[in-house]
Amino acid sequence: MELRPLSFFTEETRCHALVELVREWAMHYPVVKALAGSIADAGLVDVPPRNSNSQAAEDDGVGPIHEVSWLNVFSAKLVEKVGRERVLSTPAHRVEALPDGAVLVQLGPVVTDFAREDAREVQARALVHLRPDLDLDTVRRTLHERSARLAPVVPRFAPDVAPLLERVVERTSLSERQVQIARYNAWAPPEPEEWLPVALPPDVDDVARAIDGYDDLAEGLVALLHTQVPSVFDATPESLTDVDEQFWVEYFPGMFPQERIDARAVPAIGAYLGGVLVRHLGGRWIPRRNLQEAQVRVGQRVWLPFLRAWRYMRQRESVLDYSLTQFFRAASRHRS
């Protein structure tokens, strides 16, 4: 069960109510393994690889104790294996023997304090008490490293890609989110180079027909993504960010042959991107037989949406390096 946000349990009374709930539950149903704590912190626990024997021991509730969480209920079998006297003497905020032989161990009064230095000290000493084979300094250092990885980082993303990076970070596991924020704070995409100061003249036989063809190509992207990205129907600057997010998640270059992507996805993306420039920035198509040379004039520059789309569809990181969101924002700055 996941309860979010963790900050809901900042109050000691709420933490106490949760502990009592778990205690009552454990008194009525045999416990194999039960613990409660930060999901983000739990994601950083280093559990050794399992074989069939260790997995069977885990399933039976007698596997080794890899972690002591803020709240734990150790099964009767595990208590007997570790030693009842040892478990009951765990240095913690609350240690209580339950009627069926299980033992409840609560490290501190409030779960949200788990990353504080004093809380980590309690956690380290409790784990080493139950696992005398572990080294206290090593456990203490590991816990402090986990706290450092979870320390809040204020997002300071490059403005042109901030809407996309916010979504990418939201999709990152809680245990890695702060590290990712710090990584993207220090990163900025390259400035768009898919533009020309002087337009190439149209070299198609029928300009109007070629532009209609771009509209047809853009419909291909709508057909491809309309279920996952309903806003694709709107063809707005916001929908470009929605499309970026979807391609970051789906990672087309890892799913389909590159030649198929270049033949179908790239033209659809480029036409759609160009259409948004036309609709929302007053752009004008300048068709070319070679799609990568097709241009949209916005202000004093001509932009190459198909070339951008080709670079965008190389690998997963390309979605960030050559995002549609950034391309549109760069073009919007040169509208006048």
C-alpha atoms as a PDB file:
ATOM      1  CA  MET A   1       0.000   0.000   0.000  1.00  0.00           C
ATOM      2  CA  GLU A   2       1.309   3.451  -0.936  1.00  0.00           C
ATOM      3  CA  LEU A   3       0.227   6.568   0.945  1.00  0.00           C
ATOM      4  CA  ARG A   4       1.289   9.895  -0.555  1.00  0.00           C
ATOM      5  CA  PRO A   5       2.604  12.382   0.207  1.00  0.00           C
ATOM      6  CA  LEU A   6       4.880  11.279   2.999  1.00  0.00           C
ATOM      7  CA  SER A   7       4.460  14.745   4.518  1.00  0.00           C
ATOM      8  CA  PHE A   8       0.949  13.705   5.578  1.00  0.00           C
ATOM      9  CA  PHE A   9       2.684  11.791   8.389  1.00  0.00           C
ATOM     10  CA  THR A  10       4.662  14.712   9.745  1.00  0.00           C
ATOM     11  CA  GLU A  11       2.354  14.757  12.779  1.00  0.00           C
ATOM     12  CA  GLU A  12       3.190  12.219  15.471  1.00  0.00           C
ATOM     13  CA  THR A  13      -0.506  11.473  16.102  1.00  0.00           C
ATOM     14  CA  ARG A  14      -0.962  10.271  12.526  1.00  0.00           C
ATOM     15  CA  CYS A  15       2.156   8.119  12.752  1.00  0.00           C
ATOM     16  CA  HIS A  16       0.906   6.639  16.006  1.00  0.00           C
ATOM     17  CA  ALA A  17      -2.458   5.829  14.400  1.00  0.00           C
ATOM     18  CA  LEU A  18      -0.702   4.031  11.549  1.00  0.00           C
ATOM     19  CA  VAL A  19       1.426   2.020  13.972  1.00  0.00           C
ATOM     20  CA  GLU A  20      -1.691   1.008  15.919  1.00  0.00           C
ATOM     21  CA  LEU A  21      -3.389  -0.030  12.699  1.00  0.00           C
ATOM     22  CA  VAL A  22      -0.444  -2.255  11.751  1.00  0.00           C
ATOM     23  CA  ARG A  23      -0.276  -3.625  15.294  1.00  0.00           C
ATOM     24  CA  GLU A  24      -3.960  -4.609  15.281  1.00  0.00           C
ATOM     25  CA  TRP A  25      -3.636  -6.159  11.866  1.00  0.00           C
ATOM     26  CA  ALA A  26      -0.562  -8.150  12.906  1.00  0.00           C
ATOM     27  CA  MET A  27      -2.361  -9.434  15.988  1.00  0.00           C
ATOM     28  CA  HIS A  28      -5.162 -10.907  13.873  1.00  0.00           C
ATOM     29  CA  TYR A  29      -3.221 -12.236  10.876  1.00  0.00           C
ATOM     30  CA  PRO A  30       0.079 -14.152  10.904  1.00  0.00           C
ATOM     31  CA  VAL A  31       2.900 -11.926   9.686  1.00  0.00           C
ATOM     32  CA  VAL A  32       5.512 -13.110   7.229  1.00  0.00           C
ATOM     33  CA  LYS A  33       7.111  -9.737   6.659  1.00  0.00           C
ATOM     34  CA  ALA A  34       5.789  -6.236   7.283  1.00  0.00           C
ATOM     35  CA  LEU A  35       7.466  -2.858   7.175  1.00  0.00           C
ATOM     36  CA  ALA A  36       6.593   0.774   6.572  1.00  0.00           C
ATOM     37  CA  GLY A  37       8.748   3.730   5.644  1.00  0.00           C
ATOM     38  CA  SER A  38       9.725   6.085   2.856  1.00  0.00           C
ATOM     39  CA  ILE A  39       9.213   4.610  -0.615  1.00  0.00           C
ATOM     40  CA  ALA A  40      12.080   6.732  -1.917  1.00  0.00           C
ATOM     41  CA  ASP A  41      14.433   5.438   0.766  1.00  0.00           C
ATOM     42  CA  ALA A  42      13.331   1.847   0.247  1.00  0.00           C
ATOM     43  CA  GLY A  43      14.276   2.156  -3.406  1.00  0.00           C
ATOM     44  CA  LEU A  44      17.908   2.679  -2.409  1.00  0.00           C
ATOM     45  CA  VAL A  45      18.200  -0.452  -0.273  1.00  0.00           C
ATOM     46  CA  ASP A  46      20.947  -2.688  -1.626  1.00  0.00           C
ATOM     47  CA  VAL A  47      19.588  -6.228  -1.505  1.00  0.00           C
ATOM     48  CA  PRO A  48      22.014  -9.003  -2.495  1.00  0.00           C
ATOM     49  CA  PRO A  49      21.060 -11.141  -5.520  1.00  0.00           C
ATOM     50  CA  ARG A  50      18.704 -13.975  -4.614  1.00  0.00           C
ATOM     51  CA  ASN A  51      18.894 -17.626  -5.461  1.00  0.00           C
ATOM     52  CA  SER A  52      16.124 -20.180  -5.058  1.00  0.00           C
ATOM     53  CA  ASN A  53      17.097 -20.924  -1.448  1.00  0.00           C
ATOM     54  CA  SER A  54      17.207 -17.292  -0.348  1.00  0.00           C
ATOM     55  CA  GLN A  55      13.930 -16.592  -2.125  1.00  0.00           C
ATOM     56  CA  ALA A  56      12.296 -19.514  -0.324  1.00  0.00           C
ATOM     57  CA  ALA A  57      13.602 -18.193   2.999  1.00  0.00           C
ATOM     58  CA  GLU A  58      12.228 -14.728   2.215  1.00  0.00           C
ATOM     59  CA  ASP A  59       8.841 -16.184   1.318  1.00  0.00           C
ATOM     60  CA  ASP A  60       8.805 -18.178   4.556  1.00  0.00           C
ATOM     61  CA  GLY A  61       9.640 -15.097   6.609  1.00  0.00           C
ATOM     62  CA  VAL A  62      13.048 -16.308   7.823  1.00  0.00           C
ATOM     63  CA  GLY A  63      15.284 -14.611   5.274  1.00  0.00           C
ATOM     64  CA  PRO A  64      18.142 -12.356   6.445  1.00  0.00           C
ATOM     65  CA  ILE A  65      17.299  -8.835   7.591  1.00  0.00           C
ATOM     66  CA  HIS A  66      18.613  -6.518   4.894  1.00  0.00           C
ATOM     67  CA  GLU A  67      16.958  -3.393   6.219  1.00  0.00           C
ATOM     68  CA  VAL A  68      15.299  -2.010   9.315  1.00  0.00           C
ATOM     69  CA  SER A  69      12.596   0.438   8.289  1.00  0.00           C
ATOM     70  CA  TRP A  70      10.854   3.075  10.360  1.00  0.00           C
ATOM     71  CA  LEU A  71       8.208   0.467  11.312  1.00  0.00           C
ATOM     72  CA  ASN A  72       8.782  -3.306  11.236  1.00  0.00           C
ATOM     73  CA  VAL A  73       6.918  -6.409  12.272  1.00  0.00           C
ATOM     74  CA  PHE A  74       9.286  -9.377  12.399  1.00  0.00           C
ATOM     75  CA  SER A  75       7.583 -12.756  12.112  1.00  0.00           C
ATOM     76  CA  ALA A  76       7.714 -15.282  14.916  1.00  0.00           C
ATOM     77  CA  LYS A  77       9.951 -17.524  12.769  1.00  0.00           C
ATOM     78  CA  LEU A  78      12.400 -14.719  12.096  1.00  0.00           C
ATOM     79  CA  VAL A  79      12.423 -13.687  15.759  1.00  0.00           C
ATOM     80  CA  GLU A  80      13.334 -17.234  16.763  1.00  0.00           C
ATOM     81  CA  LYS A  81      16.031 -17.367  14.111  1.00  0.00           C
ATOM     82  CA  VAL A  82      17.628 -14.066  15.160  1.00  0.00           C
ATOM     83  CA  GLY A  83      17.024 -14.696  18.857  1.00  0.00           C
ATOM     84  CA  ARG A  84      14.055 -13.448  20.841  1.00  0.00           C
ATOM     85  CA  GLU A  85      16.143 -11.722  23.461  1.00  0.00           C
ATOM     86  CA  ARG A  86      18.172  -9.949  20.817  1.00  0.00           C
ATOM     87  CA  VAL A  87      15.112  -8.733  18.908  1.00  0.00           C
ATOM     88  CA  LEU A  88      13.359  -7.538  22.062  1.00  0.00           C
ATOM     89  CA  SER A  89      16.448  -5.571  23.090  1.00  0.00           C
ATOM     90  CA  THR A  90      16.665  -3.677  19.772  1.00  0.00           C
ATOM     91  CA  PRO A  91      17.620  -0.035  20.484  1.00  0.00           C
ATOM     92  CA  ALA A  92      14.539   1.709  19.107  1.00  0.00           C
ATOM     93  CA  HIS A  93      11.676   4.035  20.017  1.00  0.00           C
ATOM     94  CA  ARG A  94       9.239   1.155  20.555  1.00  0.00           C
ATOM     95  CA  VAL A  95       9.706  -2.605  20.745  1.00  0.00           C
ATOM     96  CA  GLU A  96       6.682  -4.766  21.498  1.00  0.00           C
ATOM     97  CA  ALA A  97       6.162  -8.519  21.561  1.00  0.00           C
ATOM     98  CA  LEU A  98       2.911  -9.576  19.894  1.00  0.00           C
ATOM     99  CA  PRO A  99       0.791 -12.542  21.041  1.00  0.00           C
ATOM    100  CA  ASP A 100       1.795 -14.885  18.204  1.00  0.00           C
ATOM    101  CA  GLY A 101       5.527 -14.416  18.815  1.00  0.00           C
ATOM    102  CA  ALA A 102       6.078 -11.653  16.266  1.00  0.00           C
ATOM    103  CA  VAL A 103       7.783  -8.450  17.385  1.00  0.00           C
ATOM    104  CA  LEU A 104       6.936  -4.884  16.398  1.00  0.00           C
ATOM    105  CA  VAL A 105       9.879  -2.470  16.168  1.00  0.00           C
ATOM    106  CA  GLN A 106       9.373   1.267  15.590  1.00  0.00           C
ATOM    107  CA  LEU A 107      12.572   3.272  15.150  1.00  0.00           C
ATOM    108  CA  GLY A 108      11.243   6.745  15.868  1.00  0.00           C
ATOM    109  CA  PRO A 109       8.043   8.636  16.620  1.00  0.00           C
ATOM    110  CA  VAL A 110       7.719  10.318  13.190  1.00  0.00           C
ATOM    111  CA  VAL A 111       8.415   8.647   9.841  1.00  0.00           C
ATOM    112  CA  THR A 112       9.230  11.884   8.011  1.00  0.00           C
ATOM    113  CA  ASP A 113      12.380  12.310  10.120  1.00  0.00           C
ATOM    114  CA  PHE A 114      13.936   9.187   8.620  1.00  0.00           C
ATOM    115  CA  ALA A 115      16.748  11.019   6.771  1.00  0.00           C
ATOM    116  CA  ARG A 116      17.894  13.131   9.724  1.00  0.00           C
ATOM    117  CA  GLU A 117      21.305  12.314  11.147  1.00  0.00           C
ATOM    118  CA  ASP A 118      19.951  11.230  14.527  1.00  0.00           C
ATOM    119  CA  ALA A 119      17.300   9.018  12.887  1.00  0.00           C
ATOM    120  CA  ARG A 120      19.939   7.402  10.671  1.00  0.00           C
ATOM    121  CA  GLU A 121      22.035   6.695  13.754  1.00  0.00           C
ATOM    122  CA  VAL A 122      19.115   4.873  15.367  1.00  0.00           C
ATOM    123  CA  GLN A 123      18.496   2.962  12.136  1.00  0.00           C
ATOM    124  CA  ALA A 124      22.152   1.967  11.807  1.00  0.00           C
ATOM    125  CA  ARG A 125      22.430   0.771  15.400  1.00  0.00           C
ATOM    126  CA  ALA A 126      19.170  -1.186  15.174  1.00  0.00           C
ATOM    127  CA  LEU A 127      20.272  -2.981  12.012  1.00  0.00           C
ATOM    128  CA  VAL A 128      23.720  -3.838  13.362  1.00  0.00           C
ATOM    129  CA  HIS A 129      22.131  -5.005  16.608  1.00  0.00           C
ATOM    130  CA  LEU A 130      19.992  -7.470  14.659  1.00  0.00           C
ATOM    131  CA  ARG A 131      22.815  -8.272  12.232  1.00  0.00           C
ATOM    132  CA  PRO A 132      26.039  -8.427  14.301  1.00  0.00           C
ATOM    133  CA  ASP A 133      27.910  -9.532  11.180  1.00  0.00           C
ATOM    134  CA  LEU A 134      27.552  -6.012   9.757  1.00  0.00           C
ATOM    135  CA  ASP A 135      29.972  -3.168  10.430  1.00  0.00           C
ATOM    136  CA  LEU A 136      28.400  -0.137  12.108  1.00  0.00           C
ATOM    137  CA  ASP A 137      30.563   2.441  10.332  1.00  0.00           C
ATOM    138  CA  THR A 138      29.781   0.887   6.944  1.00  0.00           C
ATOM    139  CA  VAL A 139      26.044   0.797   7.626  1.00  0.00           C
ATOM    140  CA  ARG A 140      26.131   4.356   8.956  1.00  0.00           C
ATOM    141  CA  ARG A 141      28.004   5.593   5.869  1.00  0.00           C
ATOM    142  CA  THR A 142      25.564   3.826   3.527  1.00  0.00           C
ATOM    143  CA  LEU A 143      22.572   5.393   5.249  1.00  0.00           C
ATOM    144  CA  HIS A 144      24.089   8.875   5.106  1.00  0.00           C
ATOM    145  CA  GLU A 145      24.789   8.397   1.397  1.00  0.00           C
ATOM    146  CA  ARG A 146      21.136   7.519   0.912  1.00  0.00           C
ATOM    147  CA  SER A 147      20.081  10.655   2.773  1.00  0.00           C
ATOM    148  CA  ALA A 148      22.329  12.734   0.521  1.00  0.00           C
ATOM    149  CA  ARG A 149      20.719  11.254  -2.601  1.00  0.00           C
ATOM    150  CA  LEU A 150      17.273  12.101  -1.260  1.00  0.00           C
ATOM    151  CA  ALA A 151      18.073  15.669  -0.149  1.00  0.00           C
ATOM    152  CA  PRO A 152      15.616  18.055  -1.876  1.00  0.00           C
ATOM    153  CA  VAL A 153      16.977  19.861  -4.936  1.00  0.00           C
ATOM    154  CA  VAL A 154      15.232  22.958  -6.312  1.00  0.00           C
ATOM    155  CA  PRO A 155      14.583  22.597 -10.079  1.00  0.00           C
ATOM    156  CA  ARG A 156      16.373  25.211 -12.175  1.00  0.00           C
ATOM    157  CA  PHE A 157      15.863  23.815 -15.649  1.00  0.00           C
ATOM    158  CA  ALA A 158      16.696  25.556 -18.921  1.00  0.00           C
ATOM    159  CA  PRO A 159      13.528  27.584 -19.614  1.00  0.00           C
ATOM    160  CA  ASP A 160      12.904  26.280 -23.138  1.00  0.00           C
ATOM    161  CA  VAL A 161      12.729  22.669 -21.970  1.00  0.00           C
ATOM    162  CA  ALA A 162      11.522  23.165 -18.393  1.00  0.00           C
ATOM    163  CA  PRO A 163       7.938  21.944 -19.137  1.00  0.00           C
ATOM    164  CA  LEU A 164       9.310  18.723 -20.634  1.00  0.00           C
ATOM    165  CA  LEU A 165      11.956  18.112 -17.960  1.00  0.00           C
ATOM    166  CA  GLU A 166       9.377  18.546 -15.217  1.00  0.00           C
ATOM    167  CA  ARG A 167       7.425  15.658 -16.729  1.00  0.00           C
ATOM    168  CA  VAL A 168      10.507  13.509 -17.265  1.00  0.00           C
ATOM    169  CA  VAL A 169      11.463  13.975 -13.617  1.00  0.00           C
ATOM    170  CA  GLU A 170       7.923  13.124 -12.487  1.00  0.00           C
ATOM    171  CA  ARG A 171       8.298   9.795 -14.256  1.00  0.00           C
ATOM    172  CA  THR A 172      11.527   9.032 -12.398  1.00  0.00           C
ATOM    173  CA  SER A 173      11.379   6.791  -9.347  1.00  0.00           C
ATOM    174  CA  LEU A 174      11.159   8.681  -6.068  1.00  0.00           C
ATOM    175  CA  SER A 175      14.519   7.302  -4.993  1.00  0.00           C
ATOM    176  CA  GLU A 176      16.272   8.825  -8.033  1.00  0.00           C
ATOM    177  CA  ARG A 177      14.219  11.991  -8.483  1.00  0.00           C
ATOM    178  CA  GLN A 178      16.472  14.452  -6.655  1.00  0.00           C
ATOM    179  CA  VAL A 179      19.540  13.123  -8.453  1.00  0.00           C
ATOM    180  CA  GLN A 180      17.753  13.596 -11.768  1.00  0.00           C
ATOM    181  CA  ILE A 181      16.734  17.141 -10.870  1.00  0.00           C
ATOM    182  CA  ALA A 182      20.362  17.978 -10.079  1.00  0.00           C
ATOM    183  CA  ARG A 183      21.456  16.376 -13.347  1.00  0.00           C
ATOM    184  CA  TYR A 184      19.005  18.379 -15.444  1.00  0.00           C
ATOM    185  CA  ASN A 185      19.782  21.567 -13.534  1.00  0.00           C
ATOM    186  CA  ALA A 186      23.343  21.258 -14.822  1.00  0.00           C
ATOM    187  CA  TRP A 187      22.260  20.403 -18.384  1.00  0.00           C
ATOM    188  CA  ALA A 188      20.953  22.476 -21.257  1.00  0.00           C
ATOM    189  CA  PRO A 189      20.062  21.307 -24.766  1.00  0.00           C
ATOM    190  CA  PRO A 190      22.062  22.609 -27.715  1.00  0.00           C
ATOM    191  CA  GLU A 191      20.648  25.692 -29.394  1.00  0.00           C
ATOM    192  CA  PRO A 192      18.517  24.743 -32.419  1.00  0.00           C
ATOM    193  CA  GLU A 193      20.521  24.772 -35.645  1.00  0.00           C
ATOM    194  CA  GLU A 194      17.674  23.701 -37.935  1.00  0.00           C
ATOM    195  CA  TRP A 195      17.147  27.097 -39.540  1.00  0.00           C
ATOM    196  CA  LEU A 196      18.471  29.208 -42.409  1.00  0.00           C
ATOM    197  CA  PRO A 197      18.910  32.975 -42.692  1.00  0.00           C
ATOM    198  CA  VAL A 198      17.814  32.902 -46.328  1.00  0.00           C
ATOM    199  CA  ALA A 199      15.096  30.659 -47.723  1.00  0.00           C
ATOM    200  CA  LEU A 200      15.682  28.069 -50.406  1.00  0.00           C
ATOM    201  CA  PRO A 201      13.135  28.720 -53.158  1.00  0.00           C
ATOM    202  CA  PRO A 202      10.340  26.170 -53.632  1.00  0.00           C
ATOM    203  CA  ASP A 203      11.253  23.522 -56.190  1.00  0.00           C
ATOM    204  CA  VAL A 204       7.943  21.640 -56.362  1.00  0.00           C
ATOM    205  CA  ASP A 205       5.527  21.747 -59.284  1.00  0.00           C
ATOM    206  CA  ASP A 206       2.489  22.672 -57.210  1.00  0.00           C
ATOM    207  CA  VAL A 207       3.118  24.589 -53.984  1.00  0.00           C
ATOM    208  CA  ALA A 208      -0.458  24.388 -52.701  1.00  0.00           C
ATOM    209  CA  ARG A 209      -0.618  20.659 -53.312  1.00  0.00           C
ATOM    210  CA  ALA A 210       2.691  20.137 -51.507  1.00  0.00           C
ATOM    211  CA  ILE A 211       1.405  22.059 -48.484  1.00  0.00           C
ATOM    212  CA  ASP A 212      -1.747  19.941 -48.460  1.00  0.00           C
ATOM    213  CA  GLY A 213       0.569  16.932 -48.467  1.00  0.00           C
ATOM    214  CA  TYR A 214       2.208  18.197 -45.307  1.00  0.00           C
ATOM    215  CA  ASP A 215      -1.223  18.381 -43.663  1.00  0.00           C
ATOM    216  CA  ASP A 216      -1.813  14.762 -44.652  1.00  0.00           C
ATOM    217  CA  LEU A 217       1.527  13.741 -43.179  1.00  0.00           C
ATOM    218  CA  ALA A 218       0.710  15.525 -39.910  1.00  0.00           C
ATOM    219  CA  GLU A 219      -2.509  13.512 -39.693  1.00  0.00           C
ATOM    220  CA  GLY A 220      -0.278  10.456 -39.483  1.00  0.00           C
ATOM    221  CA  LEU A 221       1.046  11.639 -36.130  1.00  0.00           C
ATOM    222  CA  VAL A 222      -2.483  12.288 -34.916  1.00  0.00           C
ATOM    223  CA  ALA A 223      -3.465   8.761 -35.934  1.00  0.00           C
ATOM    224  CA  LEU A 224      -0.396   7.343 -34.196  1.00  0.00           C
ATOM    225  CA  LEU A 225      -0.710   9.143 -30.850  1.00  0.00           C
ATOM    226  CA  HIS A 226      -4.333  10.200 -30.406  1.00  0.00           C
ATOM    227  CA  THR A 227      -5.083   7.486 -27.840  1.00  0.00           C
ATOM    228  CA  GLN A 228      -2.100   8.169 -25.579  1.00  0.00           C
ATOM    229  CA  VAL A 229      -1.964  11.915 -26.290  1.00  0.00           C
ATOM    230  CA  PRO A 230      -5.492  13.295 -26.862  1.00  0.00           C
ATOM    231  CA  SER A 231      -4.142  16.849 -27.110  1.00  0.00           C
ATOM    232  CA  VAL A 232      -2.427  15.920 -30.380  1.00  0.00           C
ATOM    233  CA  PHE A 233      -5.718  16.844 -32.077  1.00  0.00           C
ATOM    234  CA  ASP A 234      -5.240  20.455 -30.938  1.00  0.00           C
ATOM    235  CA  ALA A 235      -1.822  21.014 -32.566  1.00  0.00           C
ATOM    236  CA  THR A 236      -0.830  23.641 -29.975  1.00  0.00           C
ATOM    237  CA  PRO A 237       2.515  24.497 -28.354  1.00  0.00           C
ATOM    238  CA  GLU A 238       1.320  22.555 -25.292  1.00  0.00           C
ATOM    239  CA  SER A 239       0.575  19.500 -27.393  1.00  0.00           C
ATOM    240  CA  LEU A 240       4.196  19.535 -28.599  1.00  0.00           C
ATOM    241  CA  THR A 241       5.296  18.976 -25.005  1.00  0.00           C
ATOM    242  CA  ASP A 242       2.753  16.168 -24.684  1.00  0.00           C
ATOM    243  CA  VAL A 243       4.193  14.569 -27.817  1.00  0.00           C
ATOM    244  CA  ASP A 244       7.744  14.981 -26.475  1.00  0.00           C
ATOM    245  CA  GLU A 245       6.768  13.246 -23.257  1.00  0.00           C
ATOM    246  CA  GLN A 246       5.153  10.353 -25.102  1.00  0.00           C
ATOM    247  CA  PHE A 247       8.154   9.765 -27.347  1.00  0.00           C
ATOM    248  CA  TRP A 248      10.412   9.901 -24.283  1.00  0.00           C
ATOM    249  CA  VAL A 249       8.283   7.186 -22.685  1.00  0.00           C
ATOM    250  CA  GLU A 250       7.778   4.979 -25.748  1.00  0.00           C
ATOM    251  CA  TYR A 251      11.313   5.328 -27.161  1.00  0.00           C
ATOM    252  CA  PHE A 252      10.579   4.524 -30.792  1.00  0.00           C
ATOM    253  CA  PRO A 253      14.244   3.916 -31.799  1.00  0.00           C
ATOM    254  CA  GLY A 254      14.268   1.020 -29.357  1.00  0.00           C
ATOM    255  CA  MET A 255      10.993  -0.414 -30.652  1.00  0.00           C
ATOM    256  CA  PHE A 256      11.159  -0.146 -34.456  1.00  0.00           C
ATOM    257  CA  PRO A 257      13.802  -0.382 -37.206  1.00  0.00           C
ATOM    258  CA  GLN A 258      15.370   2.992 -37.894  1.00  0.00           C
ATOM    259  CA  GLU A 259      14.458   2.877 -41.577  1.00  0.00           C
ATOM    260  CA  ARG A 260      10.794   2.481 -40.661  1.00  0.00           C
ATOM    261  CA  ILE A 261      11.001   5.421 -38.268  1.00  0.00           C
ATOM    262  CA  ASP A 262      12.661   7.560 -40.925  1.00  0.00           C
ATOM    263  CA  ALA A 263      10.096   6.588 -43.536  1.00  0.00           C
ATOM    264  CA  ARG A 264       6.938   7.060 -41.443  1.00  0.00           C
ATOM    265  CA  ALA A 265       7.425   8.713 -38.055  1.00  0.00           C
ATOM    266  CA  VAL A 266       9.902  11.418 -39.047  1.00  0.00           C
ATOM    267  CA  PRO A 267       7.768  12.870 -41.885  1.00  0.00           C
ATOM    268  CA  ALA A 268       4.680  12.839 -39.651  1.00  0.00           C
ATOM    269  CA  ILE A 269       6.483  14.577 -36.780  1.00  0.00           C
ATOM    270  CA  GLY A 270       8.126  17.148 -39.043  1.00  0.00           C
ATOM    271  CA  ALA A 271       4.863  18.033 -40.771  1.00  0.00           C
ATOM    272  CA  TYR A 272       3.046  18.309 -37.453  1.00  0.00           C
ATOM    273  CA  LEU A 273       5.778  20.536 -35.990  1.00  0.00           C
ATOM    274  CA  GLY A 274       5.766  22.745 -39.067  1.00  0.00           C
ATOM    275  CA  GLY A 275       1.989  22.989 -38.906  1.00  0.00           C
ATOM    276  CA  VAL A 276       2.164  24.278 -35.322  1.00  0.00           C
ATOM    277  CA  LEU A 277       4.656  26.955 -36.442  1.00  0.00           C
ATOM    278  CA  VAL A 278       2.283  27.978 -39.207  1.00  0.00           C
ATOM    279  CA  ARG A 279      -0.814  28.020 -37.022  1.00  0.00           C
ATOM    280  CA  HIS A 280       0.573  29.666 -33.889  1.00  0.00           C
ATOM    281  CA  LEU A 281       3.485  31.796 -35.117  1.00  0.00           C
ATOM    282  CA  GLY A 282       2.057  33.004 -38.430  1.00  0.00           C
ATOM    283  CA  GLY A 283       4.551  30.865 -40.321  1.00  0.00           C
ATOM    284  CA  ARG A 284       4.454  30.085 -44.045  1.00  0.00           C
ATOM    285  CA  TRP A 285       5.447  26.810 -45.669  1.00  0.00           C
ATOM    286  CA  ILE A 286       8.122  26.877 -48.376  1.00  0.00           C
ATOM    287  CA  PRO A 287       7.933  23.368 -49.887  1.00  0.00           C
ATOM    288  CA  ARG A 288      10.880  21.420 -51.245  1.00  0.00           C
ATOM    289  CA  ARG A 289      11.082  18.038 -52.915  1.00  0.00           C
ATOM    290  CA  ASN A 290      13.561  16.915 -50.258  1.00  0.00           C
ATOM    291  CA  LEU A 291      11.548  16.916 -47.030  1.00  0.00           C
ATOM    292  CA  GLN A 292      14.558  17.806 -44.910  1.00  0.00           C
ATOM    293  CA  GLU A 293      14.858  21.017 -46.922  1.00  0.00           C
ATOM    294  CA  ALA A 294      11.174  21.988 -46.509  1.00  0.00           C
ATOM    295  CA  GLN A 295      10.956  25.249 -44.600  1.00  0.00           C
ATOM    296  CA  VAL A 296       8.580  27.346 -42.539  1.00  0.00           C
ATOM    297  CA  ARG A 297       9.263  31.066 -42.603  1.00  0.00           C
ATOM    298  CA  VAL A 298       8.783  32.748 -39.223  1.00  0.00           C
ATOM    299  CA  GLY A 299       9.929  36.363 -39.131  1.00  0.00           C
ATOM    300  CA  GLN A 300      13.384  36.735 -40.677  1.00  0.00           C
ATOM    301  CA  ARG A 301      14.334  33.076 -40.373  1.00  0.00           C
ATOM    302  CA  VAL A 302      13.244  29.927 -42.115  1.00  0.00           C
ATOM    303  CA  TRP A 303      12.980  26.820 -39.965  1.00  0.00           C
ATOM    304  CA  LEU A 304      13.518  23.187 -40.976  1.00  0.00           C
ATOM    305  CA  PRO A 305      10.981  21.075 -39.050  1.00  0.00           C
ATOM    306  CA  PHE A 306      11.647  17.840 -40.943  1.00  0.00           C
ATOM    307  CA  LEU A 307      15.370  18.051 -40.254  1.00  0.00           C
ATOM    308  CA  ARG A 308      14.555  18.668 -36.586  1.00  0.00           C
ATOM    309  CA  ALA A 309      12.278  15.620 -36.579  1.00  0.00           C
ATOM    310  CA  TRP A 310      15.022  13.471 -38.108  1.00  0.00           C
ATOM    311  CA  ARG A 311      17.473  14.440 -35.346  1.00  0.00           C
ATOM    312  CA  TYR A 312      14.730  14.015 -32.752  1.00  0.00           C
ATOM    313  CA  MET A 313      14.197  10.358 -33.662  1.00  0.00           C
ATOM    314  CA  ARG A 314      17.763   9.056 -33.301  1.00  0.00           C
ATOM    315  CA  GLN A 315      17.737   7.795 -29.692  1.00  0.00           C
ATOM    316  CA  ARG A 316      15.999   8.401 -26.371  1.00  0.00           C
ATOM    317  CA  GLU A 317      18.212  11.332 -25.353  1.00  0.00           C
ATOM    318  CA  SER A 318      17.514  12.953 -28.722  1.00  0.00           C
ATOM    319  CA  VAL A 319      13.981  13.678 -27.548  1.00  0.00           C
ATOM    320  CA  LEU A 320      15.500  16.039 -24.975  1.00  0.00           C
ATOM    321  CA  ASP A 321      18.371  17.355 -27.100  1.00  0.00           C
ATOM    322  CA  TYR A 322      16.086  18.134 -30.044  1.00  0.00           C
ATOM    323  CA  SER A 323      12.687  18.501 -28.420  1.00  0.00           C
ATOM    324  CA  LEU A 324       9.745  19.917 -30.332  1.00  0.00           C
ATOM    325  CA  THR A 325       9.033  22.132 -27.330  1.00  0.00           C
ATOM    326  CA  GLN A 326      12.408  23.874 -27.506  1.00  0.00           C
ATOM    327  CA  PHE A 327      12.235  24.225 -31.294  1.00  0.00           C
ATOM    328  CA  PHE A 328       8.888  26.013 -31.110  1.00  0.00           C
ATOM    329  CA  ARG A 329      10.054  28.343 -28.341  1.00  0.00           C
ATOM    330  CA  ALA A 330      13.210  29.241 -30.233  1.00  0.00           C
ATOM    331  CA  ALA A 331      11.169  30.036 -33.358  1.00  0.00           C
ATOM    332  CA  SER A 332       8.714  32.117 -31.337  1.00  0.00           C
ATOM    333  CA  ARG A 333      11.554  34.388 -30.190  1.00  0.00           C
ATOM    334  CA  HIS A 334      12.371  35.213 -33.825  1.00  0.00           C
ATOM    335  CA  ARG A 335       8.811  35.862 -34.917  1.00  0.00           C
ATOM    336  CA  SER A 336       9.276  39.609 -35.426  1.00  0.00           C
END
